[in-house]
Each structure stands twice: as C-alpha cells, then as structure tokens.
Amino acid sequence: MEKILRRLIGEDIQLETSSAPDVGLIKADRSQIEQVILNLAVNARDAMPQGGRLTIETANVDLDASYSRSPAVLAPGKYVMLAVTDNGSGMDAETQTHIFEPFFTTKEKGKGTGLGLATVYGIVKQSGGYVWVYSEPGRGTSFKIYLPRIEDEEGDRGRDRRTDVQPMERGSETILLVEDEKGVRELAREYLEMSGYTVIEAEDGHTALELAAMHAGTIHLLMTDVVMPGISGRELAERAKLIRPKIKVLYMSGYTDQAVVHHGILETDAVLLQKPFTMTTLSTKLREILTAETVQ
C-alpha cells in the first residue's frame, strides 16, 4: 500500500514503514484492513497540515493475564499489532473519549464526516480485535490495533501456548517511578512492588528531581514516561544523571520504538517500554537493564 499512501498523504509528510520479519497471520478481510490503514493515514495527514512524519508498523505481541488489568483491557493471547503513529496536533483526554463515536469530528464543517475512526473501530471489532489510542496534545497520536494471531498446528506444536502470568524475574533495587497518568503509575508501582523492588513514586519531573536529591540511599533506575507536562522524560533523565551519575533509565511511552526515534523524541540507544505493558515484559526489561554493565 506504500505507493497509494504516499500519494494520499502528500510530499510534506514523510512515511516510514516497519514490519517484523516473523509477523504472523490474521483472519480478516484484506480490503477492510486496507480501509483501516487508509482511514488512519488520512486522519494522521489532517493532523499534520504543515507536514510531519507518519510511521506504520507491524509486530507480533503475546499478552499474558496481567494485561487484562492494564488501562487497555485486552484478553490474553497471541496478537499481531498494527501501529499507526503521527507527530501531529494530538488530542486531549476528553477528545479521546469520543473519537470512535459516529459523526464525532474536530475538523471544520465540511472537512470531515466523523465516520473514519468509527469505521476503523467497527472493522477491528468485527475482526475480533482491539483498538488502543495514545495521544498527547501537540506531540502526536498513536493508534495500536491488536488482531488475533492465527498459527497452524504444526507451527504451534511444541510451543508453550499458555497465556497466564509466567514466573517473573525478581529484583531488590530501588526504582524512581515517574508517570503523570495516575492509573498507569499505580499499576506500574504495584507490578514493581510485587516483583520485589522498592519504589519511589512521583507524578511529574520536578517532584522526581526533588526526590532524587533528597533520598538517602541508592536509586538504581529511573523509570519515566516520555511525554509529561513540564519536564519531558528525556530532560528528566539528563538532569537526574547530574544528581545521580550511575542511575540507569527505562522510558515508558504509548508510542512505539520506531516512532519515538523517527520523531526525534528519544535517541536511538534509549531503552523503551511500550504502553500498555504486561507484568512479565516489565520485569524482564528491568533485569536486562539493571544487570547490564554500564558503558562509559
């Protein structure tokens, strides 16, 4: 679809596509999935009237039972994720609650029917999938579509097909958790404490820096949202390292790895945990970072 999409979005918008080499199969109507991509691309184009960047990705995702407790309630199982991300005008929380309603639109009269995202939602649900949206005003929007992955019996033979929570790697380090969204922060804190970590919690960057300076013991890792009011996650990490040079950093974001790098939000070597995340994914990522040797 790349040629069609490039004509559709125009020369002012750069298109980046990334497909995982092992991406699985889904059971869906091809023309309907194409319509989903086209509708989301048009939506992204309209959010970037001065130009920008559009990223489309696919990847396999395995969701365990802990996912059902996250803000994006998905049934455990094997999925293919289709992510469409732009760095346009974004949406506030109130707008996000209405975007899938038929005829709801933020565009000028005559510029949109308000049916594009409602159509996307209907097609995805009809295909047995889920749509999750993450957006920040002025920073862009990411739509993540999860569609059930279909695998043949031979390909599945011998694999562990369980989707319940697997034993997690535990830790004992101290983590500074910074997240402005209360629900995500509380869930992450619970996951961390259940895995044995000591958690210092902050709702914004300014509070986090104060806590980093005041805490008497070692803080091993900063786990921070990327986009926050006031100090961004990237700036927070830089300032936290001035106070605690040995602190390691794990970023969280609703945007995908490709998007945050291509859109210039984070550097290419930054370690990112995509929201919504599972308890198993979080614990595994933490052990990878905390046990890795620091390169000077």
C-alpha atoms as a PDB file:
ATOM      1  CA  MET A   1       0.000   0.000   0.000  1.00  0.00           C
ATOM      2  CA  GLU A   2       3.028   2.327   0.221  1.00  0.00           C
ATOM      3  CA  LYS A   3       2.578   3.948  -3.215  1.00  0.00           C
ATOM      4  CA  ILE A   4      -1.096   4.680  -2.504  1.00  0.00           C
ATOM      5  CA  LEU A   5      -0.288   6.050   0.944  1.00  0.00           C
ATOM      6  CA  ARG A   6       2.486   8.329  -0.323  1.00  0.00           C
ATOM      7  CA  ARG A   7       0.117   9.871  -2.874  1.00  0.00           C
ATOM      8  CA  LEU A   8      -2.591  10.188  -0.240  1.00  0.00           C
ATOM      9  CA  ILE A   9      -0.550  11.955   2.453  1.00  0.00           C
ATOM     10  CA  GLY A  10       1.367  14.271   0.123  1.00  0.00           C
ATOM     11  CA  GLU A  11       5.009  15.304  -0.193  1.00  0.00           C
ATOM     12  CA  ASP A  12       5.139  17.249   3.087  1.00  0.00           C
ATOM     13  CA  ILE A  13       4.698  14.108   5.181  1.00  0.00           C
ATOM     14  CA  GLN A  14       7.445  11.510   5.449  1.00  0.00           C
ATOM     15  CA  LEU A  15       6.248   7.904   5.540  1.00  0.00           C
ATOM     16  CA  GLU A  16       8.173   5.259   7.487  1.00  0.00           C
ATOM     17  CA  THR A  17       7.101   1.599   7.442  1.00  0.00           C
ATOM     18  CA  SER A  18       8.467  -1.245   9.543  1.00  0.00           C
ATOM     19  CA  SER A  19       7.257  -4.844   9.548  1.00  0.00           C
ATOM     20  CA  ALA A  20       8.632  -7.509  11.875  1.00  0.00           C
ATOM     21  CA  PRO A  21      10.210 -10.322   9.785  1.00  0.00           C
ATOM     22  CA  ASP A  22       8.296 -13.005  11.700  1.00  0.00           C
ATOM     23  CA  VAL A  23       4.941 -11.223  11.785  1.00  0.00           C
ATOM     24  CA  GLY A  24       2.082 -13.726  11.969  1.00  0.00           C
ATOM     25  CA  LEU A  25      -1.157 -14.198  10.081  1.00  0.00           C
ATOM     26  CA  ILE A  26      -4.578 -12.796  10.965  1.00  0.00           C
ATOM     27  CA  LYS A  27      -8.044 -13.826   9.859  1.00  0.00           C
ATOM     28  CA  ALA A  28      -9.606 -10.712   8.367  1.00  0.00           C
ATOM     29  CA  ASP A  29     -10.928  -9.228   5.157  1.00  0.00           C
ATOM     30  CA  ARG A  30      -7.999  -7.768   3.223  1.00  0.00           C
ATOM     31  CA  SER A  31      -9.965  -4.830   1.789  1.00  0.00           C
ATOM     32  CA  GLN A  32     -11.282  -3.928   5.235  1.00  0.00           C
ATOM     33  CA  ILE A  33      -7.795  -3.901   6.775  1.00  0.00           C
ATOM     34  CA  GLU A  34      -6.625  -1.716   3.887  1.00  0.00           C
ATOM     35  CA  GLN A  35      -9.513   0.623   4.662  1.00  0.00           C
ATOM     36  CA  VAL A  36      -8.412   0.765   8.306  1.00  0.00           C
ATOM     37  CA  ILE A  37      -4.896   1.791   7.259  1.00  0.00           C
ATOM     38  CA  LEU A  38      -6.184   4.346   4.753  1.00  0.00           C
ATOM     39  CA  ASN A  39      -8.578   5.910   7.274  1.00  0.00           C
ATOM     40  CA  LEU A  40      -5.860   6.201   9.915  1.00  0.00           C
ATOM     41  CA  ALA A  41      -3.436   7.638   7.361  1.00  0.00           C
ATOM     42  CA  VAL A  42      -5.973  10.290   6.323  1.00  0.00           C
ATOM     43  CA  ASN A  43      -6.619  11.115   9.956  1.00  0.00           C
ATOM     44  CA  ALA A  44      -2.874  11.489  10.539  1.00  0.00           C
ATOM     45  CA  ARG A  45      -2.453  13.634   7.420  1.00  0.00           C
ATOM     46  CA  ASP A  46      -5.179  16.022   8.567  1.00  0.00           C
ATOM     47  CA  ALA A  47      -3.454  16.323  11.958  1.00  0.00           C
ATOM     48  CA  MET A  48      -0.235  17.468  10.212  1.00  0.00           C
ATOM     49  CA  PRO A  49      -1.259  20.354   7.911  1.00  0.00           C
ATOM     50  CA  GLN A  50       2.292  21.732   7.960  1.00  0.00           C
ATOM     51  CA  GLY A  51       3.852  18.335   7.261  1.00  0.00           C
ATOM     52  CA  GLY A  52       5.369  15.771   9.562  1.00  0.00           C
ATOM     53  CA  ARG A  53       6.105  12.093   9.878  1.00  0.00           C
ATOM     54  CA  LEU A  54       3.819   9.063   9.647  1.00  0.00           C
ATOM     55  CA  THR A  55       5.043   5.692  10.943  1.00  0.00           C
ATOM     56  CA  ILE A  56       3.262   2.396  10.246  1.00  0.00           C
ATOM     57  CA  GLU A  57       4.496  -0.772  11.965  1.00  0.00           C
ATOM     58  CA  THR A  58       3.502  -4.381  12.472  1.00  0.00           C
ATOM     59  CA  ALA A  59       4.774  -6.830  15.092  1.00  0.00           C
ATOM     60  CA  ASN A  60       3.781  -9.953  17.000  1.00  0.00           C
ATOM     61  CA  VAL A  61       2.593  -9.402  20.575  1.00  0.00           C
ATOM     62  CA  ASP A  62       1.959 -12.036  23.249  1.00  0.00           C
ATOM     63  CA  LEU A  63      -0.304 -10.807  26.037  1.00  0.00           C
ATOM     64  CA  ASP A  64      -0.435 -12.552  29.405  1.00  0.00           C
ATOM     65  CA  ALA A  65      -3.198 -12.340  32.019  1.00  0.00           C
ATOM     66  CA  SER A  66      -1.697  -9.249  33.661  1.00  0.00           C
ATOM     67  CA  TYR A  67      -2.663  -7.259  30.543  1.00  0.00           C
ATOM     68  CA  SER A  68      -6.330  -7.505  31.474  1.00  0.00           C
ATOM     69  CA  ARG A  69      -5.626  -5.217  34.465  1.00  0.00           C
ATOM     70  CA  SER A  70      -3.937  -2.502  32.422  1.00  0.00           C
ATOM     71  CA  PRO A  71      -5.762   0.657  31.206  1.00  0.00           C
ATOM     72  CA  ALA A  72      -6.122  -1.047  27.814  1.00  0.00           C
ATOM     73  CA  VAL A  73      -8.199  -4.102  28.683  1.00  0.00           C
ATOM     74  CA  LEU A  74      -7.275  -6.887  26.273  1.00  0.00           C
ATOM     75  CA  ALA A  75      -7.900 -10.608  26.551  1.00  0.00           C
ATOM     76  CA  PRO A  76      -4.743 -12.712  26.999  1.00  0.00           C
ATOM     77  CA  GLY A  77      -3.493 -14.338  23.820  1.00  0.00           C
ATOM     78  CA  LYS A  78      -1.346 -14.038  20.697  1.00  0.00           C
ATOM     79  CA  TYR A  79      -1.868 -10.947  18.535  1.00  0.00           C
ATOM     80  CA  VAL A  80      -0.467  -9.038  15.600  1.00  0.00           C
ATOM     81  CA  MET A  81      -0.127  -5.350  16.404  1.00  0.00           C
ATOM     82  CA  LEU A  82      -0.603  -2.727  13.700  1.00  0.00           C
ATOM     83  CA  ALA A  83       0.557   0.702  14.875  1.00  0.00           C
ATOM     84  CA  VAL A  84      -0.073   3.965  13.008  1.00  0.00           C
ATOM     85  CA  THR A  85       1.689   6.954  14.565  1.00  0.00           C
ATOM     86  CA  ASP A  86       1.944  10.625  13.613  1.00  0.00           C
ATOM     87  CA  ASN A  87       3.651  13.642  15.163  1.00  0.00           C
ATOM     88  CA  GLY A  88       0.763  15.995  14.515  1.00  0.00           C
ATOM     89  CA  SER A  89      -1.560  18.085  16.669  1.00  0.00           C
ATOM     90  CA  GLY A  90      -2.570  15.281  19.030  1.00  0.00           C
ATOM     91  CA  MET A  91      -5.694  15.124  21.216  1.00  0.00           C
ATOM     92  CA  ASP A  92      -6.589  15.874  24.797  1.00  0.00           C
ATOM     93  CA  ALA A  93      -8.109  13.239  27.102  1.00  0.00           C
ATOM     94  CA  GLU A  94     -11.678  14.479  26.602  1.00  0.00           C
ATOM     95  CA  THR A  95     -11.447  14.254  22.802  1.00  0.00           C
ATOM     96  CA  GLN A  96     -10.037  10.733  23.035  1.00  0.00           C
ATOM     97  CA  THR A  97     -13.168   9.528  24.826  1.00  0.00           C
ATOM     98  CA  HIS A  98     -15.324  10.461  21.802  1.00  0.00           C
ATOM     99  CA  ILE A  99     -13.193   9.715  18.733  1.00  0.00           C
ATOM    100  CA  PHE A 100     -14.842   6.386  17.883  1.00  0.00           C
ATOM    101  CA  GLU A 101     -18.369   7.803  18.065  1.00  0.00           C
ATOM    102  CA  PRO A 102     -20.100   8.079  14.661  1.00  0.00           C
ATOM    103  CA  PHE A 103     -20.168  11.652  13.279  1.00  0.00           C
ATOM    104  CA  PHE A 104     -17.860  12.995  16.006  1.00  0.00           C
ATOM    105  CA  THR A 105     -15.208  15.218  14.432  1.00  0.00           C
ATOM    106  CA  THR A 106     -12.873  18.012  15.491  1.00  0.00           C
ATOM    107  CA  LYS A 107     -12.493  19.216  11.902  1.00  0.00           C
ATOM    108  CA  GLU A 108     -14.099  22.293  10.418  1.00  0.00           C
ATOM    109  CA  LYS A 109     -17.585  21.968   8.981  1.00  0.00           C
ATOM    110  CA  GLY A 110     -17.396  20.312   5.575  1.00  0.00           C
ATOM    111  CA  LYS A 111     -13.878  18.974   6.159  1.00  0.00           C
ATOM    112  CA  GLY A 112     -14.807  15.596   7.660  1.00  0.00           C
ATOM    113  CA  THR A 113     -17.735  13.216   8.127  1.00  0.00           C
ATOM    114  CA  GLY A 114     -16.748  11.927  11.551  1.00  0.00           C
ATOM    115  CA  LEU A 115     -17.086   8.364  10.271  1.00  0.00           C
ATOM    116  CA  GLY A 116     -13.430   7.467   9.623  1.00  0.00           C
ATOM    117  CA  LEU A 117     -12.481   6.333  13.132  1.00  0.00           C
ATOM    118  CA  ALA A 118     -15.921   4.869  13.787  1.00  0.00           C
ATOM    119  CA  THR A 119     -15.385   2.720  10.686  1.00  0.00           C
ATOM    120  CA  VAL A 120     -11.933   1.699  11.925  1.00  0.00           C
ATOM    121  CA  TYR A 121     -13.401   0.692  15.280  1.00  0.00           C
ATOM    122  CA  GLY A 122     -16.188  -1.329  13.647  1.00  0.00           C
ATOM    123  CA  ILE A 123     -13.845  -3.235  11.334  1.00  0.00           C
ATOM    124  CA  VAL A 124     -11.390  -4.058  14.099  1.00  0.00           C
ATOM    125  CA  LYS A 125     -14.116  -5.293  16.458  1.00  0.00           C
ATOM    126  CA  GLN A 126     -15.664  -7.342  13.642  1.00  0.00           C
ATOM    127  CA  SER A 127     -12.239  -8.958  13.138  1.00  0.00           C
ATOM    128  CA  GLY A 128     -12.080  -9.888  16.837  1.00  0.00           C
ATOM    129  CA  GLY A 129      -9.518  -7.225  17.664  1.00  0.00           C
ATOM    130  CA  TYR A 130      -8.964  -4.176  19.848  1.00  0.00           C
ATOM    131  CA  VAL A 131      -8.036  -0.538  19.232  1.00  0.00           C
ATOM    132  CA  TRP A 132      -5.971   1.428  21.737  1.00  0.00           C
ATOM    133  CA  VAL A 133      -5.117   5.110  21.274  1.00  0.00           C
ATOM    134  CA  TYR A 134      -2.363   7.129  22.882  1.00  0.00           C
ATOM    135  CA  SER A 135      -2.094  10.859  22.246  1.00  0.00           C
ATOM    136  CA  GLU A 136      -0.508  13.996  23.655  1.00  0.00           C
ATOM    137  CA  PRO A 137      -1.664  17.482  22.563  1.00  0.00           C
ATOM    138  CA  GLY A 138       0.947  18.995  20.291  1.00  0.00           C
ATOM    139  CA  ARG A 139       3.045  15.807  20.228  1.00  0.00           C
ATOM    140  CA  GLY A 140       1.103  13.395  18.039  1.00  0.00           C
ATOM    141  CA  THR A 141      -1.077  10.288  18.187  1.00  0.00           C
ATOM    142  CA  SER A 142      -0.538   6.540  18.013  1.00  0.00           C
ATOM    143  CA  PHE A 143      -3.281   4.057  17.189  1.00  0.00           C
ATOM    144  CA  LYS A 144      -2.406   0.470  18.135  1.00  0.00           C
ATOM    145  CA  ILE A 145      -4.618  -2.225  16.682  1.00  0.00           C
ATOM    146  CA  TYR A 146      -4.370  -5.744  18.112  1.00  0.00           C
ATOM    147  CA  LEU A 147      -5.715  -8.543  15.899  1.00  0.00           C
ATOM    148  CA  PRO A 148      -5.768 -12.233  16.961  1.00  0.00           C
ATOM    149  CA  ARG A 149      -2.826 -14.135  15.504  1.00  0.00           C
ATOM    150  CA  ILE A 150      -3.632 -17.330  13.619  1.00  0.00           C
ATOM    151  CA  GLU A 151      -0.969 -20.042  13.573  1.00  0.00           C
ATOM    152  CA  ASP A 152      -1.107 -23.514  12.046  1.00  0.00           C
ATOM    153  CA  GLU A 153      -0.964 -26.580  14.268  1.00  0.00           C
ATOM    154  CA  GLU A 154       2.467 -27.619  13.038  1.00  0.00           C
ATOM    155  CA  GLY A 155       3.889 -24.167  13.726  1.00  0.00           C
ATOM    156  CA  ASP A 156       2.444 -24.245  17.226  1.00  0.00           C
ATOM    157  CA  ARG A 157       3.468 -27.823  18.060  1.00  0.00           C
ATOM    158  CA  GLY A 158       5.887 -27.928  20.939  1.00  0.00           C
ATOM    159  CA  ARG A 159       5.430 -24.267  21.853  1.00  0.00           C
ATOM    160  CA  ASP A 160       4.250 -23.059  25.228  1.00  0.00           C
ATOM    161  CA  ARG A 161       0.774 -21.798  24.402  1.00  0.00           C
ATOM    162  CA  ARG A 162      -0.138 -20.725  27.921  1.00  0.00           C
ATOM    163  CA  THR A 163      -1.227 -17.125  28.236  1.00  0.00           C
ATOM    164  CA  ASP A 164      -1.428 -16.898  32.019  1.00  0.00           C
ATOM    165  CA  VAL A 165       1.170 -14.985  34.005  1.00  0.00           C
ATOM    166  CA  GLN A 166       4.569 -16.687  33.831  1.00  0.00           C
ATOM    167  CA  PRO A 167       7.107 -16.688  36.699  1.00  0.00           C
ATOM    168  CA  MET A 168       8.804 -13.298  36.742  1.00  0.00           C
ATOM    169  CA  GLU A 169      12.367 -12.282  37.359  1.00  0.00           C
ATOM    170  CA  ARG A 170      12.523 -10.567  40.724  1.00  0.00           C
ATOM    171  CA  GLY A 171      14.728  -7.741  41.914  1.00  0.00           C
ATOM    172  CA  SER A 172      15.571  -5.841  45.080  1.00  0.00           C
ATOM    173  CA  GLU A 173      16.752  -2.496  43.695  1.00  0.00           C
ATOM    174  CA  THR A 174      15.236   0.946  44.271  1.00  0.00           C
ATOM    175  CA  ILE A 175      13.350   2.493  41.364  1.00  0.00           C
ATOM    176  CA  LEU A 176      12.224   6.100  40.891  1.00  0.00           C
ATOM    177  CA  LEU A 177       8.885   5.814  39.062  1.00  0.00           C
ATOM    178  CA  VAL A 178       7.666   8.952  37.247  1.00  0.00           C
ATOM    179  CA  GLU A 179       4.300   8.931  35.437  1.00  0.00           C
ATOM    180  CA  ASP A 180       1.708  11.712  35.213  1.00  0.00           C
ATOM    181  CA  GLU A 181      -1.213   9.360  34.473  1.00  0.00           C
ATOM    182  CA  LYS A 182      -2.416   8.106  37.848  1.00  0.00           C
ATOM    183  CA  GLY A 183      -3.847   4.780  36.668  1.00  0.00           C
ATOM    184  CA  VAL A 184      -0.676   3.784  34.837  1.00  0.00           C
ATOM    185  CA  ARG A 185       1.510   4.937  37.737  1.00  0.00           C
ATOM    186  CA  GLU A 186      -0.432   2.923  40.314  1.00  0.00           C
ATOM    187  CA  LEU A 187      -0.404  -0.201  38.148  1.00  0.00           C
ATOM    188  CA  ALA A 188       3.341   0.099  37.473  1.00  0.00           C
ATOM    189  CA  ARG A 189       4.041   0.626  41.177  1.00  0.00           C
ATOM    190  CA  GLU A 190       2.042  -2.485  42.040  1.00  0.00           C
ATOM    191  CA  TYR A 191       3.885  -4.546  39.413  1.00  0.00           C
ATOM    192  CA  LEU A 192       7.255  -3.304  40.717  1.00  0.00           C
ATOM    193  CA  GLU A 193       6.479  -3.953  44.363  1.00  0.00           C
ATOM    194  CA  MET A 194       5.157  -7.435  43.577  1.00  0.00           C
ATOM    195  CA  SER A 195       8.484  -8.137  41.859  1.00  0.00           C
ATOM    196  CA  GLY A 196      10.467  -7.139  44.960  1.00  0.00           C
ATOM    197  CA  TYR A 197      11.543  -3.600  44.077  1.00  0.00           C
ATOM    198  CA  THR A 198      11.459  -0.560  46.371  1.00  0.00           C
ATOM    199  CA  VAL A 199       9.502   2.206  44.634  1.00  0.00           C
ATOM    200  CA  ILE A 200       9.842   5.967  44.960  1.00  0.00           C
ATOM    201  CA  GLU A 201       6.832   7.489  43.206  1.00  0.00           C
ATOM    202  CA  ALA A 202       6.449  10.889  41.505  1.00  0.00           C
ATOM    203  CA  GLU A 203       3.726  12.367  39.288  1.00  0.00           C
ATOM    204  CA  ASP A 204       5.979  14.832  37.443  1.00  0.00           C
ATOM    205  CA  GLY A 205       9.593  15.627  36.667  1.00  0.00           C
ATOM    206  CA  HIS A 206      10.032  18.435  39.197  1.00  0.00           C
ATOM    207  CA  THR A 207       8.895  16.198  42.067  1.00  0.00           C
ATOM    208  CA  ALA A 208      11.112  13.394  40.783  1.00  0.00           C
ATOM    209  CA  LEU A 209      14.222  15.610  40.836  1.00  0.00           C
ATOM    210  CA  GLU A 210      13.466  16.710  44.387  1.00  0.00           C
ATOM    211  CA  LEU A 211      13.072  13.085  45.489  1.00  0.00           C
ATOM    212  CA  ALA A 212      16.257  12.096  43.678  1.00  0.00           C
ATOM    213  CA  ALA A 213      18.176  14.766  45.582  1.00  0.00           C
ATOM    214  CA  MET A 214      16.589  14.024  48.971  1.00  0.00           C
ATOM    215  CA  HIS A 215      16.695  10.208  49.005  1.00  0.00           C
ATOM    216  CA  ALA A 216      19.437   8.965  51.340  1.00  0.00           C
ATOM    217  CA  GLY A 217      20.075   5.583  49.711  1.00  0.00           C
ATOM    218  CA  THR A 218      20.919   4.423  46.204  1.00  0.00           C
ATOM    219  CA  ILE A 219      18.428   4.866  43.371  1.00  0.00           C
ATOM    220  CA  HIS A 220      19.317   2.240  40.800  1.00  0.00           C
ATOM    221  CA  LEU A 221      16.946   3.125  37.996  1.00  0.00           C
ATOM    222  CA  LEU A 222      14.689   5.933  36.747  1.00  0.00           C
ATOM    223  CA  MET A 223      11.514   4.620  35.101  1.00  0.00           C
ATOM    224  CA  THR A 224       9.831   7.579  33.435  1.00  0.00           C
ATOM    225  CA  ASP A 225       7.107   8.439  30.975  1.00  0.00           C
ATOM    226  CA  VAL A 226       8.453  10.078  27.818  1.00  0.00           C
ATOM    227  CA  VAL A 227       5.891  12.846  27.371  1.00  0.00           C
ATOM    228  CA  MET A 228       4.857  14.717  30.524  1.00  0.00           C
ATOM    229  CA  PRO A 229       3.753  18.261  31.377  1.00  0.00           C
ATOM    230  CA  GLY A 230       6.686  20.498  32.287  1.00  0.00           C
ATOM    231  CA  ILE A 231       9.860  18.431  32.137  1.00  0.00           C
ATOM    232  CA  SER A 232       9.923  15.705  29.473  1.00  0.00           C
ATOM    233  CA  GLY A 233      11.230  12.248  30.253  1.00  0.00           C
ATOM    234  CA  ARG A 234      14.373  12.852  28.211  1.00  0.00           C
ATOM    235  CA  GLU A 235      15.175  16.106  30.024  1.00  0.00           C
ATOM    236  CA  LEU A 236      14.378  14.494  33.373  1.00  0.00           C
ATOM    237  CA  ALA A 237      16.836  11.677  32.677  1.00  0.00           C
ATOM    238  CA  GLU A 238      19.577  14.142  31.759  1.00  0.00           C
ATOM    239  CA  ARG A 239      19.021  16.205  34.922  1.00  0.00           C
ATOM    240  CA  ALA A 240      18.684  13.120  37.141  1.00  0.00           C
ATOM    241  CA  LYS A 241      22.088  11.890  35.935  1.00  0.00           C
ATOM    242  CA  LEU A 242      23.656  15.150  37.131  1.00  0.00           C
ATOM    243  CA  ILE A 243      22.378  14.334  40.628  1.00  0.00           C
ATOM    244  CA  ARG A 244      22.987  10.577  40.406  1.00  0.00           C
ATOM    245  CA  PRO A 245      25.524   9.778  37.655  1.00  0.00           C
ATOM    246  CA  LYS A 246      25.152   5.986  37.957  1.00  0.00           C
ATOM    247  CA  ILE A 247      21.352   5.899  37.632  1.00  0.00           C
ATOM    248  CA  LYS A 248      20.000   3.809  34.739  1.00  0.00           C
ATOM    249  CA  VAL A 249      16.944   4.825  32.719  1.00  0.00           C
ATOM    250  CA  LEU A 250      13.900   2.999  31.363  1.00  0.00           C
ATOM    251  CA  TYR A 251      11.437   5.089  29.354  1.00  0.00           C
ATOM    252  CA  MET A 252       7.706   4.353  29.026  1.00  0.00           C
ATOM    253  CA  SER A 253       5.543   5.543  26.150  1.00  0.00           C
ATOM    254  CA  GLY A 254       2.348   4.827  24.285  1.00  0.00           C
ATOM    255  CA  TYR A 255       4.320   5.474  21.096  1.00  0.00           C
ATOM    256  CA  THR A 256       6.296   2.622  19.537  1.00  0.00           C
ATOM    257  CA  ASP A 257      10.088   2.284  19.478  1.00  0.00           C
ATOM    258  CA  GLN A 258      10.231   3.257  15.803  1.00  0.00           C
ATOM    259  CA  ALA A 259       8.043   6.310  16.340  1.00  0.00           C
ATOM    260  CA  VAL A 260       9.938   7.827  19.283  1.00  0.00           C
ATOM    261  CA  VAL A 261      13.229   7.509  17.407  1.00  0.00           C
ATOM    262  CA  HIS A 262      11.985   8.642  13.986  1.00  0.00           C
ATOM    263  CA  HIS A 263      10.054  11.533  15.511  1.00  0.00           C
ATOM    264  CA  GLY A 264      13.119  12.695  17.424  1.00  0.00           C
ATOM    265  CA  ILE A 265      11.558  12.200  20.864  1.00  0.00           C
ATOM    266  CA  LEU A 266      14.320   9.868  22.109  1.00  0.00           C
ATOM    267  CA  GLU A 267      17.806   8.907  20.998  1.00  0.00           C
ATOM    268  CA  THR A 268      18.338   5.621  19.175  1.00  0.00           C
ATOM    269  CA  ASP A 269      20.052   3.944  22.141  1.00  0.00           C
ATOM    270  CA  ALA A 270      17.259   4.741  24.616  1.00  0.00           C
ATOM    271  CA  VAL A 271      15.519   1.744  26.220  1.00  0.00           C
ATOM    272  CA  LEU A 272      11.747   1.970  25.797  1.00  0.00           C
ATOM    273  CA  LEU A 273       8.856   0.031  27.335  1.00  0.00           C
ATOM    274  CA  GLN A 274       5.711   0.375  25.233  1.00  0.00           C
ATOM    275  CA  LYS A 275       2.393   1.066  26.937  1.00  0.00           C
ATOM    276  CA  PRO A 276       0.274  -0.812  27.671  1.00  0.00           C
ATOM    277  CA  PHE A 277       2.744  -3.359  29.046  1.00  0.00           C
ATOM    278  CA  THR A 278       2.499  -6.685  30.861  1.00  0.00           C
ATOM    279  CA  MET A 279       3.987  -7.516  34.243  1.00  0.00           C
ATOM    280  CA  THR A 280       6.249 -10.101  32.603  1.00  0.00           C
ATOM    281  CA  THR A 281       7.525  -7.657  29.983  1.00  0.00           C
ATOM    282  CA  LEU A 282       8.290  -5.068  32.649  1.00  0.00           C
ATOM    283  CA  SER A 283      10.189  -7.453  34.914  1.00  0.00           C
ATOM    284  CA  THR A 284      12.227  -8.858  32.013  1.00  0.00           C
ATOM    285  CA  LYS A 285      13.151  -5.406  30.712  1.00  0.00           C
ATOM    286  CA  LEU A 286      14.201  -4.242  34.181  1.00  0.00           C
ATOM    287  CA  ARG A 287      16.533  -7.191  34.717  1.00  0.00           C
ATOM    288  CA  GLU A 288      18.113  -6.624  31.303  1.00  0.00           C
ATOM    289  CA  ILE A 289      18.909  -3.002  32.170  1.00  0.00           C
ATOM    290  CA  LEU A 290      19.886  -3.464  35.789  1.00  0.00           C
ATOM    291  CA  THR A 291      22.235  -6.391  35.144  1.00  0.00           C
ATOM    292  CA  ALA A 292      23.863  -4.864  32.056  1.00  0.00           C
ATOM    293  CA  GLU A 293      27.305  -3.367  32.546  1.00  0.00           C
ATOM    294  CA  THR A 294      27.403   0.409  32.242  1.00  0.00           C
ATOM    295  CA  VAL A 295      29.407   1.568  29.224  1.00  0.00           C
ATOM    296  CA  GLN A 296      31.317   4.782  29.834  1.00  0.00           C
END
